[in-house]
């Protein structure tokens, strides 16, 4: 399955807020301005890609 990674490192895996300033590229840090979720920016992207994958699989006919 192919998942578009666009904006995944800017999207909060907890609340879903998308904001470019949540990601601090030089420090590889992600801090959500809405809910305060903090993590490594690459980890946040991986969590979002996984979540999109699960949502896509849930929508497939069984």
N, C-alpha and C. Protein backbone atom coordinates (compact mmCIF):
# COMPACT_ATOMS: atom_id res chain seq x y z
N UNK A 1 0.84 -1.16 0.00
CA UNK A 1 0.00 0.00 0.00
C UNK A 1 0.90 1.24 0.00
N UNK A 2 0.56 2.19 -0.82
CA UNK A 2 1.32 3.43 -0.92
C UNK A 2 0.57 4.54 -0.19
N UNK A 3 1.24 5.21 0.73
CA UNK A 3 0.65 6.31 1.49
C UNK A 3 1.41 7.58 1.14
N UNK A 4 0.68 8.63 0.79
CA UNK A 4 1.30 9.92 0.50
C UNK A 4 1.81 10.53 1.80
N UNK A 5 3.12 10.79 1.92
CA UNK A 5 3.66 11.30 3.18
C UNK A 5 3.48 12.81 3.37
N UNK A 6 2.84 13.48 2.44
CA UNK A 6 2.69 14.94 2.52
C UNK A 6 2.01 15.35 3.83
N UNK A 7 2.63 16.28 4.52
CA UNK A 7 2.13 16.89 5.75
C UNK A 7 2.11 15.95 6.96
N UNK A 8 2.61 14.74 6.84
CA UNK A 8 2.55 13.81 7.97
C UNK A 8 3.44 14.24 9.13
N UNK A 9 4.52 14.96 8.85
CA UNK A 9 5.38 15.42 9.95
C UNK A 9 4.89 16.75 10.52
N UNK A 10 3.79 17.27 9.97
CA UNK A 10 3.19 18.51 10.46
C UNK A 10 1.83 18.27 11.10
N UNK A 11 1.37 17.01 11.09
CA UNK A 11 0.04 16.67 11.59
C UNK A 11 0.15 15.97 12.94
N UNK A 12 -0.60 16.45 13.91
CA UNK A 12 -0.56 15.86 15.24
C UNK A 12 -1.26 14.50 15.22
N UNK A 13 -0.58 13.44 15.67
CA UNK A 13 -1.20 12.13 15.69
C UNK A 13 -2.27 12.00 16.78
N UNK A 14 -2.28 12.92 17.73
CA UNK A 14 -3.25 12.88 18.82
C UNK A 14 -4.53 13.64 18.48
N UNK A 15 -4.40 14.91 18.03
CA UNK A 15 -5.60 15.73 17.80
C UNK A 15 -5.87 16.03 16.33
N UNK A 16 -4.91 15.76 15.45
CA UNK A 16 -5.12 15.94 14.01
C UNK A 16 -4.82 17.34 13.48
N UNK A 17 -4.40 18.24 14.33
CA UNK A 17 -4.10 19.61 13.89
C UNK A 17 -2.90 19.61 12.94
N UNK A 18 -3.02 20.33 11.83
CA UNK A 18 -1.93 20.46 10.87
C UNK A 18 -1.43 21.89 10.93
N UNK A 19 -0.15 22.04 11.26
CA UNK A 19 0.45 23.37 11.32
C UNK A 19 1.94 23.22 11.06
N UNK A 20 2.42 23.96 10.09
CA UNK A 20 3.83 23.88 9.72
C UNK A 20 4.76 24.24 10.88
N UNK A 21 4.33 25.19 11.70
CA UNK A 21 5.19 25.64 12.80
C UNK A 21 5.25 24.64 13.97
N UNK A 22 4.44 23.58 13.93
CA UNK A 22 4.53 22.55 14.96
C UNK A 22 5.83 21.77 14.85
N UNK A 23 6.39 21.74 13.66
CA UNK A 23 7.61 20.97 13.41
C UNK A 23 8.82 21.88 13.44
N UNK A 24 9.82 21.50 14.24
CA UNK A 24 11.07 22.24 14.32
C UNK A 24 12.15 21.37 13.67
N UNK A 25 12.38 21.62 12.36
CA UNK A 25 13.24 20.76 11.55
C UNK A 25 14.65 20.59 12.11
N UNK A 26 15.26 21.67 12.51
CA UNK A 26 16.66 21.60 12.96
C UNK A 26 16.83 20.74 14.21
N UNK A 27 15.84 20.74 15.08
CA UNK A 27 15.90 19.97 16.32
C UNK A 27 15.22 18.61 16.18
N UNK A 28 14.61 18.34 15.02
CA UNK A 28 13.84 17.11 14.79
C UNK A 28 12.77 16.94 15.88
N UNK A 29 12.14 18.06 16.23
CA UNK A 29 11.16 18.06 17.31
C UNK A 29 9.80 18.48 16.78
N UNK A 30 8.77 17.81 17.27
CA UNK A 30 7.40 18.15 16.94
C UNK A 30 6.69 18.52 18.25
N UNK A 31 6.07 19.70 18.27
CA UNK A 31 5.30 20.14 19.43
C UNK A 31 3.98 20.70 18.91
N UNK A 32 2.87 20.07 19.25
CA UNK A 32 1.56 20.51 18.80
C UNK A 32 1.13 21.76 19.57
N UNK A 33 0.79 22.81 18.85
CA UNK A 33 0.33 24.05 19.48
C UNK A 33 -1.07 23.90 20.06
N UNK A 34 -1.80 22.87 19.65
CA UNK A 34 -3.17 22.68 20.11
C UNK A 34 -3.24 21.83 21.39
N UNK A 35 -2.63 20.65 21.37
CA UNK A 35 -2.77 19.73 22.51
C UNK A 35 -1.48 19.51 23.30
N UNK A 36 -0.35 20.01 22.79
CA UNK A 36 0.91 19.88 23.51
C UNK A 36 1.67 18.58 23.28
N UNK A 37 1.18 17.74 22.37
CA UNK A 37 1.86 16.48 22.06
C UNK A 37 3.29 16.79 21.60
N UNK A 38 4.28 16.07 22.17
CA UNK A 38 5.69 16.29 21.83
C UNK A 38 6.32 14.97 21.42
N UNK A 39 7.11 15.01 20.35
CA UNK A 39 7.82 13.81 19.91
C UNK A 39 8.83 14.20 18.84
N UNK A 40 9.58 13.21 18.39
CA UNK A 40 10.49 13.37 17.26
C UNK A 40 9.63 13.56 16.01
N UNK A 41 10.01 14.48 15.14
CA UNK A 41 9.20 14.77 13.95
C UNK A 41 9.08 13.58 13.00
N UNK A 42 10.13 12.77 12.88
CA UNK A 42 10.05 11.59 12.02
C UNK A 42 9.12 10.53 12.63
N UNK A 43 9.13 10.43 13.94
CA UNK A 43 8.23 9.48 14.62
C UNK A 43 6.77 9.89 14.41
N UNK A 44 6.51 11.19 14.51
CA UNK A 44 5.15 11.70 14.28
C UNK A 44 4.70 11.36 12.87
N UNK A 45 5.58 11.55 11.89
CA UNK A 45 5.24 11.23 10.50
C UNK A 45 4.93 9.73 10.36
N UNK A 46 5.74 8.89 10.98
CA UNK A 46 5.52 7.44 10.92
C UNK A 46 4.19 7.06 11.57
N UNK A 47 3.87 7.69 12.69
CA UNK A 47 2.59 7.42 13.36
C UNK A 47 1.42 7.82 12.48
N UNK A 48 1.55 8.97 11.81
CA UNK A 48 0.47 9.44 10.93
C UNK A 48 0.31 8.54 9.71
N UNK A 49 1.43 8.10 9.13
CA UNK A 49 1.36 7.20 7.98
C UNK A 49 0.70 5.88 8.39
N UNK A 50 1.06 5.36 9.55
CA UNK A 50 0.43 4.14 10.06
C UNK A 50 -1.07 4.35 10.24
N UNK A 51 -1.46 5.48 10.81
CA UNK A 51 -2.88 5.77 11.02
C UNK A 51 -3.65 5.87 9.71
N UNK A 52 -3.06 6.51 8.71
CA UNK A 52 -3.70 6.62 7.40
C UNK A 52 -3.85 5.22 6.79
N UNK A 53 -2.83 4.40 6.95
CA UNK A 53 -2.89 3.03 6.44
C UNK A 53 -4.01 2.24 7.08
N UNK A 54 -4.14 2.33 8.40
CA UNK A 54 -5.22 1.62 9.10
C UNK A 54 -6.59 2.12 8.66
N UNK A 55 -6.74 3.44 8.51
CA UNK A 55 -8.02 4.00 8.06
C UNK A 55 -8.35 3.50 6.67
N UNK A 56 -7.36 3.44 5.79
CA UNK A 56 -7.56 2.96 4.42
C UNK A 56 -7.99 1.50 4.43
N UNK A 57 -7.32 0.69 5.22
CA UNK A 57 -7.68 -0.73 5.31
C UNK A 57 -9.08 -0.94 5.87
N UNK A 58 -9.48 -0.11 6.82
CA UNK A 58 -10.82 -0.22 7.39
C UNK A 58 -11.92 0.07 6.38
N UNK A 59 -11.59 0.86 5.35
CA UNK A 59 -12.59 1.26 4.36
C UNK A 59 -12.72 0.24 3.24
N UNK A 60 -11.82 -0.74 3.17
CA UNK A 60 -11.89 -1.76 2.11
C UNK A 60 -13.06 -2.70 2.37
N UNK A 61 -13.70 -3.15 1.31
CA UNK A 61 -14.80 -4.12 1.50
C UNK A 61 -14.25 -5.43 2.06
N UNK A 62 -15.04 -6.07 2.89
CA UNK A 62 -14.59 -7.32 3.51
C UNK A 62 -15.25 -8.50 2.90
